[in-house]
Amino acid sequence: MVDFTRGIWDQHKLFLGMTLQQLDDENRHHRLTADSSSAGFWLQHVSESKLALMQLFWGIEPPVPIPTCNGAHDTGQAGTADEIRALNDRINKIVEAHMDTFSAEAMGETHDTFLGQMTVSQMFGVMIYHTYYHMGQASLALKKGKQPSALAMASA
C-alpha cells in the first residue's frame, strides 16, 4: 500500500476503532427509529461490506459469511459487541494484505467495476466512504438511539 493510502487507511481504522469501543452488548441494539437498523448491524455491515466490495472490485471471494450485505435488513443477525470487533480486526487484516500488493503504479490502474471505470485508488475511496457513511449512522444510534422495545412503546 502506498504511503498516502496507508495514511488514510490508518485514520479509517482509528476512527472506526473509536466507534467500535463505544459498542457494548446492550447499546448494539439501539436504533434511531423502529424501522432503522441497529448500531451493531451498521458496525458489522461496514466490516462485512469491505469484503463485498473486494469481491465486486477484484473478484475475491469473502472468506467469511457477510449476512449484513447485499440488501440485508436488520433482523438481529449482528453478533455480540466482541464478535463485531473481532470480525472488524480480521477483515481489516484481509483488506490490508490485499492492498499491500498494490504498487503506486497499480493504484492508478483503471478497472471495470459495477460503478463504471475506476482506478484502484478510487475503489479504495469507495470503501472508505461507505464505511464513514454507515459509521455515522451507527454513531447516532449509539448516542441518540433507544432499544427496539422502547421505540415500539413510544409509537403505540
N, C-alpha and C. Protein backbone atom coordinates (compact mmCIF):
# COMPACT_ATOMS: atom_id res chain seq x y z
N MET A 1 0.87 -1.17 0.00
CA MET A 1 0.00 0.00 0.00
C MET A 1 0.91 1.23 0.00
N VAL A 2 0.63 2.18 -0.86
CA VAL A 2 1.45 3.38 -0.92
C VAL A 2 1.23 4.23 0.33
N ASP A 3 2.20 5.10 0.65
CA ASP A 3 2.18 5.84 1.91
C ASP A 3 0.90 6.65 2.10
N PHE A 4 0.45 7.34 1.05
CA PHE A 4 -0.75 8.17 1.17
C PHE A 4 -1.96 7.31 1.51
N THR A 5 -2.11 6.20 0.80
CA THR A 5 -3.24 5.31 1.05
C THR A 5 -3.13 4.70 2.44
N ARG A 6 -1.94 4.34 2.87
CA ARG A 6 -1.74 3.80 4.21
C ARG A 6 -2.16 4.81 5.26
N GLY A 7 -1.87 6.07 5.05
CA GLY A 7 -2.27 7.10 6.00
C GLY A 7 -3.79 7.21 6.12
N ILE A 8 -4.47 7.17 4.99
CA ILE A 8 -5.94 7.21 5.00
C ILE A 8 -6.48 5.96 5.70
N TRP A 9 -5.90 4.81 5.38
CA TRP A 9 -6.35 3.55 5.98
C TRP A 9 -6.14 3.57 7.50
N ASP A 10 -5.00 4.09 7.95
CA ASP A 10 -4.73 4.14 9.39
C ASP A 10 -5.73 5.04 10.10
N GLN A 11 -6.09 6.18 9.48
CA GLN A 11 -7.12 7.06 10.07
C GLN A 11 -8.47 6.34 10.11
N HIS A 12 -8.78 5.64 9.04
CA HIS A 12 -10.02 4.88 8.97
C HIS A 12 -10.10 3.89 10.13
N LYS A 13 -9.03 3.14 10.35
CA LYS A 13 -9.01 2.16 11.44
C LYS A 13 -9.12 2.84 12.81
N LEU A 14 -8.47 3.98 12.96
CA LEU A 14 -8.53 4.71 14.23
C LEU A 14 -9.96 5.14 14.54
N PHE A 15 -10.62 5.81 13.58
CA PHE A 15 -11.96 6.33 13.83
C PHE A 15 -12.98 5.20 13.97
N LEU A 16 -12.88 4.18 13.15
CA LEU A 16 -13.80 3.05 13.29
C LEU A 16 -13.55 2.34 14.62
N GLY A 17 -12.29 2.21 15.00
CA GLY A 17 -11.97 1.59 16.29
C GLY A 17 -12.55 2.37 17.46
N MET A 18 -12.51 3.70 17.39
CA MET A 18 -13.09 4.52 18.46
C MET A 18 -14.60 4.28 18.56
N THR A 19 -15.25 4.17 17.43
CA THR A 19 -16.69 3.91 17.44
C THR A 19 -16.97 2.51 17.96
N LEU A 20 -16.19 1.53 17.52
CA LEU A 20 -16.38 0.15 17.98
C LEU A 20 -16.16 0.02 19.48
N GLN A 21 -15.29 0.83 20.06
CA GLN A 21 -15.06 0.75 21.51
C GLN A 21 -16.27 1.23 22.30
N GLN A 22 -17.12 2.04 21.69
CA GLN A 22 -18.33 2.51 22.36
C GLN A 22 -19.42 1.44 22.38
N LEU A 23 -19.27 0.44 21.53
CA LEU A 23 -20.29 -0.60 21.38
C LEU A 23 -20.23 -1.58 22.54
N ASP A 24 -21.39 -1.89 23.11
CA ASP A 24 -21.47 -2.96 24.10
C ASP A 24 -22.69 -3.81 23.79
N ASP A 25 -22.90 -4.85 24.56
CA ASP A 25 -23.97 -5.79 24.22
C ASP A 25 -25.37 -5.25 24.48
N GLU A 26 -25.49 -4.13 25.15
CA GLU A 26 -26.80 -3.51 25.30
C GLU A 26 -27.04 -2.48 24.19
N ASN A 27 -26.09 -1.56 24.01
CA ASN A 27 -26.35 -0.49 23.04
C ASN A 27 -26.20 -0.95 21.59
N ARG A 28 -25.69 -2.15 21.36
CA ARG A 28 -25.60 -2.63 19.97
C ARG A 28 -26.99 -2.78 19.35
N HIS A 29 -28.02 -2.85 20.17
CA HIS A 29 -29.40 -2.96 19.68
C HIS A 29 -30.07 -1.60 19.46
N HIS A 30 -29.42 -0.52 19.87
CA HIS A 30 -30.03 0.81 19.77
C HIS A 30 -30.29 1.18 18.31
N ARG A 31 -31.47 1.76 18.12
CA ARG A 31 -31.91 2.24 16.80
C ARG A 31 -32.42 3.66 16.95
N LEU A 32 -32.39 4.40 15.84
CA LEU A 32 -32.95 5.75 15.87
C LEU A 32 -34.46 5.72 15.74
N THR A 33 -34.97 4.80 14.95
CA THR A 33 -36.42 4.61 14.78
C THR A 33 -36.69 3.12 14.80
N ALA A 34 -37.94 2.76 14.92
CA ALA A 34 -38.31 1.34 14.93
C ALA A 34 -37.97 0.67 13.60
N ASP A 35 -37.95 1.44 12.52
CA ASP A 35 -37.68 0.87 11.19
C ASP A 35 -36.20 0.92 10.79
N SER A 36 -35.38 1.61 11.55
CA SER A 36 -33.97 1.73 11.16
C SER A 36 -33.17 0.54 11.68
N SER A 37 -31.97 0.40 11.16
CA SER A 37 -31.09 -0.68 11.61
C SER A 37 -30.38 -0.27 12.89
N SER A 38 -29.92 -1.27 13.62
CA SER A 38 -29.27 -1.03 14.91
C SER A 38 -27.80 -0.63 14.73
N ALA A 39 -27.24 -0.07 15.79
CA ALA A 39 -25.83 0.30 15.79
C ALA A 39 -24.96 -0.92 15.51
N GLY A 40 -25.26 -2.05 16.12
CA GLY A 40 -24.49 -3.27 15.90
C GLY A 40 -24.56 -3.74 14.46
N PHE A 41 -25.74 -3.66 13.87
CA PHE A 41 -25.90 -4.06 12.47
C PHE A 41 -25.00 -3.20 11.58
N TRP A 42 -25.06 -1.86 11.77
CA TRP A 42 -24.27 -0.97 10.92
C TRP A 42 -22.78 -1.21 11.08
N LEU A 43 -22.33 -1.44 12.32
CA LEU A 43 -20.90 -1.64 12.53
C LEU A 43 -20.43 -2.99 11.98
N GLN A 44 -21.27 -4.00 12.06
CA GLN A 44 -20.92 -5.27 11.43
C GLN A 44 -20.96 -5.11 9.91
N HIS A 45 -21.93 -4.37 9.42
CA HIS A 45 -22.08 -4.15 7.98
C HIS A 45 -20.86 -3.45 7.38
N VAL A 46 -20.32 -2.44 8.07
CA VAL A 46 -19.18 -1.73 7.47
C VAL A 46 -17.98 -2.67 7.34
N SER A 47 -17.83 -3.60 8.26
CA SER A 47 -16.74 -4.57 8.14
C SER A 47 -17.01 -5.55 7.02
N GLU A 48 -18.19 -6.15 7.02
CA GLU A 48 -18.52 -7.14 6.00
C GLU A 48 -18.56 -6.53 4.60
N SER A 49 -18.97 -5.29 4.52
CA SER A 49 -19.08 -4.67 3.19
C SER A 49 -17.71 -4.47 2.54
N LYS A 50 -16.66 -4.37 3.35
CA LYS A 50 -15.31 -4.30 2.76
C LYS A 50 -15.05 -5.57 1.96
N LEU A 51 -15.47 -6.71 2.49
CA LEU A 51 -15.30 -7.97 1.76
C LEU A 51 -16.18 -8.00 0.52
N ALA A 52 -17.42 -7.51 0.65
CA ALA A 52 -18.32 -7.49 -0.51
C ALA A 52 -17.76 -6.59 -1.61
N LEU A 53 -17.20 -5.45 -1.23
CA LEU A 53 -16.61 -4.56 -2.23
C LEU A 53 -15.35 -5.18 -2.85
N MET A 54 -14.56 -5.88 -2.06
CA MET A 54 -13.39 -6.57 -2.63
C MET A 54 -13.83 -7.63 -3.64
N GLN A 55 -14.95 -8.28 -3.35
CA GLN A 55 -15.48 -9.27 -4.29
C GLN A 55 -15.95 -8.59 -5.58
N LEU A 56 -16.67 -7.49 -5.43
CA LEU A 56 -17.18 -6.77 -6.61
C LEU A 56 -16.05 -6.14 -7.42
N PHE A 57 -15.07 -5.57 -6.74
CA PHE A 57 -13.99 -4.88 -7.44
C PHE A 57 -12.95 -5.84 -8.00
N TRP A 58 -12.56 -6.85 -7.20
CA TRP A 58 -11.41 -7.66 -7.56
C TRP A 58 -11.72 -9.16 -7.68
N GLY A 59 -12.98 -9.55 -7.48
CA GLY A 59 -13.35 -10.95 -7.63
C GLY A 59 -12.86 -11.85 -6.51
N ILE A 60 -12.53 -11.28 -5.37
CA ILE A 60 -12.03 -12.05 -4.23
C ILE A 60 -13.24 -12.54 -3.42
N GLU A 61 -13.37 -13.84 -3.30
CA GLU A 61 -14.49 -14.42 -2.55
C GLU A 61 -14.32 -14.14 -1.06
N PRO A 62 -15.38 -13.69 -0.38
CA PRO A 62 -15.29 -13.44 1.06
C PRO A 62 -14.97 -14.74 1.81
N PRO A 63 -13.99 -14.71 2.72
CA PRO A 63 -13.64 -15.92 3.47
C PRO A 63 -14.58 -16.19 4.64
N VAL A 64 -15.47 -15.27 4.92
CA VAL A 64 -16.46 -15.44 5.99
C VAL A 64 -17.81 -15.01 5.44
N PRO A 65 -18.91 -15.50 6.03
CA PRO A 65 -20.23 -15.05 5.59
C PRO A 65 -20.39 -13.54 5.78
N ILE A 66 -21.23 -12.94 4.93
CA ILE A 66 -21.48 -11.49 5.02
C ILE A 66 -23.00 -11.26 5.09
N PRO A 67 -23.63 -11.65 6.22
CA PRO A 67 -25.09 -11.59 6.32
C PRO A 67 -25.70 -10.20 6.38
N THR A 68 -24.89 -9.17 6.57
CA THR A 68 -25.46 -7.82 6.63
C THR A 68 -25.34 -7.08 5.31
N CYS A 69 -24.92 -7.79 4.26
CA CYS A 69 -24.71 -7.15 2.95
C CYS A 69 -25.76 -7.59 1.94
N ASN A 70 -25.65 -7.04 0.74
CA ASN A 70 -26.49 -7.41 -0.39
C ASN A 70 -27.97 -7.16 -0.11
N GLY A 71 -28.26 -5.97 0.40
CA GLY A 71 -29.64 -5.58 0.63
C GLY A 71 -30.26 -6.13 1.89
N ALA A 72 -29.45 -6.66 2.79
CA ALA A 72 -29.97 -7.26 4.03
C ALA A 72 -30.63 -6.20 4.91
N HIS A 73 -31.64 -6.62 5.62
CA HIS A 73 -32.30 -5.78 6.61
C HIS A 73 -31.96 -6.32 7.99
N ASP A 74 -31.95 -5.45 8.97
CA ASP A 74 -31.58 -5.84 10.32
C ASP A 74 -32.68 -6.70 10.94
N THR A 75 -32.38 -7.97 11.08
CA THR A 75 -33.30 -8.91 11.72
C THR A 75 -32.66 -9.51 12.97
N GLY A 76 -31.63 -8.83 13.47
CA GLY A 76 -30.93 -9.31 14.65
C GLY A 76 -29.75 -10.21 14.34
N GLN A 77 -29.29 -10.24 13.07
CA GLN A 77 -28.22 -11.14 12.67
C GLN A 77 -26.83 -10.66 13.08
N ALA A 78 -26.70 -9.44 13.58
CA ALA A 78 -25.39 -8.95 14.01
C ALA A 78 -24.94 -9.70 15.25
N GLY A 79 -23.63 -9.85 15.38
CA GLY A 79 -23.07 -10.57 16.51
C GLY A 79 -23.02 -9.73 17.78
N THR A 80 -22.37 -10.27 18.79
CA THR A 80 -22.15 -9.53 20.03
C THR A 80 -21.14 -8.42 19.76
N ALA A 81 -21.00 -7.51 20.71
CA ALA A 81 -20.03 -6.42 20.55
C ALA A 81 -18.62 -6.98 20.34
N ASP A 82 -18.23 -7.97 21.12
CA ASP A 82 -16.90 -8.56 20.97
C ASP A 82 -16.74 -9.26 19.62
N GLU A 83 -17.79 -9.93 19.16
CA GLU A 83 -17.73 -10.60 17.86
C GLU A 83 -17.59 -9.58 16.72
N ILE A 84 -18.29 -8.47 16.82
CA ILE A 84 -18.21 -7.43 15.79
C ILE A 84 -16.82 -6.83 15.76
N ARG A 85 -16.24 -6.55 16.92
CA ARG A 85 -14.88 -6.00 16.97
C ARG A 85 -13.86 -7.00 16.40
N ALA A 86 -13.99 -8.28 16.77
CA ALA A 86 -13.07 -9.31 16.27
C ALA A 86 -13.21 -9.46 14.75
N LEU A 87 -14.45 -9.42 14.25
CA LEU A 87 -14.68 -9.52 12.81
C LEU A 87 -14.02 -8.34 12.09
N ASN A 88 -14.19 -7.14 12.65
CA ASN A 88 -13.58 -5.96 12.05
C ASN A 88 -12.06 -6.11 11.98
N ASP A 89 -11.45 -6.58 13.05
CA ASP A 89 -9.99 -6.77 13.05
C ASP A 89 -9.58 -7.78 11.99
N ARG A 90 -10.30 -8.88 11.90
CA ARG A 90 -9.97 -9.92 10.92
C ARG A 90 -10.09 -9.40 9.49
N ILE A 91 -11.19 -8.69 9.21
CA ILE A 91 -11.42 -8.18 7.86
C ILE A 91 -10.41 -7.09 7.52
N ASN A 92 -10.06 -6.24 8.47
CA ASN A 92 -9.04 -5.21 8.20
C ASN A 92 -7.73 -5.86 7.77
N LYS A 93 -7.35 -6.96 8.40
CA LYS A 93 -6.12 -7.66 8.03
C LYS A 93 -6.21 -8.21 6.60
N ILE A 94 -7.38 -8.71 6.23
CA ILE A 94 -7.59 -9.23 4.86
C ILE A 94 -7.45 -8.10 3.85
N VAL A 95 -8.10 -6.97 4.13
CA VAL A 95 -8.01 -5.82 3.21
C VAL A 95 -6.57 -5.34 3.12
N GLU A 96 -5.90 -5.21 4.25
CA GLU A 96 -4.51 -4.74 4.24
C GLU A 96 -3.61 -5.66 3.44
N ALA A 97 -3.78 -6.96 3.62
CA ALA A 97 -2.94 -7.92 2.87
C ALA A 97 -3.14 -7.74 1.37
N HIS A 98 -4.38 -7.51 0.96
CA HIS A 98 -4.64 -7.32 -0.47
C HIS A 98 -4.10 -5.97 -0.94
N MET A 99 -4.37 -4.93 -0.19
CA MET A 99 -3.94 -3.60 -0.60
C MET A 99 -2.41 -3.49 -0.62
N ASP A 100 -1.74 -4.23 0.25
CA ASP A 100 -0.27 -4.19 0.28
C ASP A 100 0.35 -4.74 -0.99
N THR A 101 -0.43 -5.43 -1.81
CA THR A 101 0.10 -5.98 -3.06
C THR A 101 0.15 -4.93 -4.18
N PHE A 102 -0.49 -3.77 -3.96
CA PHE A 102 -0.55 -2.74 -4.99
C PHE A 102 0.63 -1.78 -4.90
N SER A 103 1.31 -1.59 -6.00
CA SER A 103 2.36 -0.58 -6.10
C SER A 103 1.71 0.77 -6.37
N ALA A 104 2.51 1.81 -6.34
CA ALA A 104 2.00 3.15 -6.65
C ALA A 104 1.41 3.18 -8.05
N GLU A 105 2.06 2.49 -9.00
CA GLU A 105 1.55 2.46 -10.38
C GLU A 105 0.23 1.71 -10.44
N ALA A 106 0.13 0.60 -9.71
CA ALA A 106 -1.09 -0.20 -9.74
C ALA A 106 -2.27 0.57 -9.16
N MET A 107 -2.02 1.46 -8.20
CA MET A 107 -3.11 2.24 -7.61
C MET A 107 -3.78 3.13 -8.65
N GLY A 108 -3.06 3.46 -9.72
CA GLY A 108 -3.62 4.30 -10.77
C GLY A 108 -4.21 3.53 -11.93
N GLU A 109 -4.10 2.19 -11.90
CA GLU A 109 -4.66 1.38 -12.98
C GLU A 109 -6.18 1.43 -12.97
N THR A 110 -6.76 1.46 -14.16
CA THR A 110 -8.21 1.54 -14.31
C THR A 110 -8.79 0.14 -14.50
N HIS A 111 -9.93 -0.10 -13.83
CA HIS A 111 -10.62 -1.38 -13.93
C HIS A 111 -12.11 -1.12 -14.17
N ASP A 112 -12.75 -2.06 -14.84
CA ASP A 112 -14.21 -2.01 -14.98
C ASP A 112 -14.83 -2.51 -13.68
N THR A 113 -15.74 -1.73 -13.13
CA THR A 113 -16.43 -2.11 -11.90
C THR A 113 -17.93 -1.92 -12.09
N PHE A 114 -18.69 -2.31 -11.08
CA PHE A 114 -20.14 -2.11 -11.13
C PHE A 114 -20.50 -0.62 -11.11
N LEU A 115 -19.54 0.23 -10.78
CA LEU A 115 -19.75 1.68 -10.79
C LEU A 115 -19.14 2.35 -12.02
N GLY A 116 -18.70 1.53 -12.98
CA GLY A 116 -18.03 2.05 -14.17
C GLY A 116 -16.52 1.92 -14.02
N GLN A 117 -15.78 2.59 -14.89
CA GLN A 117 -14.32 2.50 -14.84
C GLN A 117 -13.80 3.30 -13.64
N MET A 118 -12.94 2.65 -12.87
CA MET A 118 -12.38 3.29 -11.69
C MET A 118 -10.93 2.83 -11.51
N THR A 119 -10.12 3.71 -10.92
CA THR A 119 -8.77 3.31 -10.54
C THR A 119 -8.85 2.55 -9.21
N VAL A 120 -7.77 1.84 -8.89
CA VAL A 120 -7.71 1.14 -7.60
C VAL A 120 -7.85 2.16 -6.47
N SER A 121 -7.24 3.31 -6.61
CA SER A 121 -7.37 4.36 -5.58
C SER A 121 -8.82 4.78 -5.41
N GLN A 122 -9.55 4.92 -6.51
CA GLN A 122 -10.96 5.29 -6.42
C GLN A 122 -11.78 4.18 -5.75
N MET A 123 -11.46 2.92 -6.07
CA MET A 123 -12.17 1.80 -5.43
C MET A 123 -11.94 1.82 -3.93
N PHE A 124 -10.70 2.09 -3.54
CA PHE A 124 -10.36 2.20 -2.12
C PHE A 124 -11.16 3.35 -1.49
N GLY A 125 -11.29 4.45 -2.22
CA GLY A 125 -12.07 5.59 -1.73
C GLY A 125 -13.53 5.24 -1.51
N VAL A 126 -14.11 4.43 -2.39
CA VAL A 126 -15.50 3.99 -2.22
C VAL A 126 -15.62 3.19 -0.92
N MET A 127 -14.66 2.32 -0.67
CA MET A 127 -14.67 1.51 0.54
C MET A 127 -14.64 2.39 1.79
N ILE A 128 -13.77 3.40 1.78
CA ILE A 128 -13.65 4.31 2.93
C ILE A 128 -14.93 5.14 3.08
N TYR A 129 -15.43 5.69 1.98
CA TYR A 129 -16.66 6.50 2.03
C TYR A 129 -17.81 5.68 2.61
N HIS A 130 -17.97 4.48 2.12
CA HIS A 130 -19.07 3.62 2.57
C HIS A 130 -18.97 3.37 4.07
N THR A 131 -17.76 3.14 4.55
CA THR A 131 -17.56 2.92 5.99
C THR A 131 -17.99 4.14 6.78
N TYR A 132 -17.52 5.33 6.37
CA TYR A 132 -17.85 6.54 7.13
C TYR A 132 -19.35 6.85 7.07
N TYR A 133 -19.97 6.59 5.95
CA TYR A 133 -21.41 6.84 5.83
C TYR A 133 -22.18 6.05 6.89
N HIS A 134 -21.92 4.75 6.95
CA HIS A 134 -22.66 3.91 7.90
C HIS A 134 -22.12 4.05 9.32
N MET A 135 -20.86 4.41 9.47
CA MET A 135 -20.33 4.64 10.81
C MET A 135 -21.05 5.84 11.44
N GLY A 136 -21.41 6.82 10.63
CA GLY A 136 -22.20 7.94 11.13
C GLY A 136 -23.56 7.50 11.62
N GLN A 137 -24.19 6.61 10.88
CA GLN A 137 -25.49 6.08 11.31
C GLN A 137 -25.35 5.33 12.63
N ALA A 138 -24.31 4.51 12.72
CA ALA A 138 -24.08 3.73 13.94
C ALA A 138 -23.80 4.66 15.12
N SER A 139 -23.00 5.69 14.90
CA SER A 139 -22.66 6.62 15.97
C SER A 139 -23.90 7.34 16.48
N LEU A 140 -24.77 7.76 15.57
CA LEU A 140 -26.02 8.41 16.00
C LEU A 140 -26.90 7.44 16.79
N ALA A 141 -26.97 6.21 16.33
CA ALA A 141 -27.78 5.21 17.05
C ALA A 141 -27.20 4.95 18.44
N LEU A 142 -25.88 4.92 18.55
CA LEU A 142 -25.26 4.71 19.86
C LEU A 142 -25.53 5.89 20.79
N LYS A 143 -25.49 7.10 20.24
CA LYS A 143 -25.64 8.30 21.07
C LYS A 143 -27.10 8.65 21.35
N LYS A 144 -27.95 8.56 20.35
CA LYS A 144 -29.34 9.04 20.48
C LYS A 144 -30.39 7.93 20.41
N GLY A 145 -29.96 6.72 20.07
CA GLY A 145 -30.91 5.64 19.85
C GLY A 145 -31.48 5.05 21.12
N LYS A 146 -32.45 4.19 20.91
CA LYS A 146 -33.12 3.50 22.01
C LYS A 146 -33.26 2.02 21.65
N GLN A 147 -33.53 1.23 22.67
CA GLN A 147 -33.81 -0.18 22.45
C GLN A 147 -35.08 -0.32 21.61
N PRO A 148 -35.18 -1.34 20.76
CA PRO A 148 -36.39 -1.53 19.95
C PRO A 148 -37.67 -1.56 20.78
N SER A 149 -37.63 -2.16 21.95
CA SER A 149 -38.85 -2.24 22.79
C SER A 149 -39.30 -0.85 23.23
N ALA A 150 -38.37 0.05 23.53
CA ALA A 150 -38.72 1.41 23.91
C ALA A 150 -39.30 2.18 22.74
N LEU A 151 -38.77 1.94 21.54
CA LEU A 151 -39.30 2.60 20.35
C LEU A 151 -40.70 2.11 20.04
N ALA A 152 -40.95 0.81 20.24
CA ALA A 152 -42.28 0.25 19.97
C ALA A 152 -43.30 0.85 20.94
N MET A 153 -42.93 1.01 22.21
CA MET A 153 -43.86 1.59 23.18
C MET A 153 -44.14 3.04 22.88
N ALA A 154 -43.12 3.77 22.38
CA ALA A 154 -43.30 5.18 22.07
C ALA A 154 -44.23 5.40 20.90
N SER A 155 -44.26 4.44 19.98
CA SER A 155 -45.11 4.61 18.80
C SER A 155 -46.50 4.04 19.00
N ALA A 156 -46.72 3.36 20.10
CA ALA A 156 -48.04 2.74 20.37
C ALA A 156 -49.03 3.75 20.91
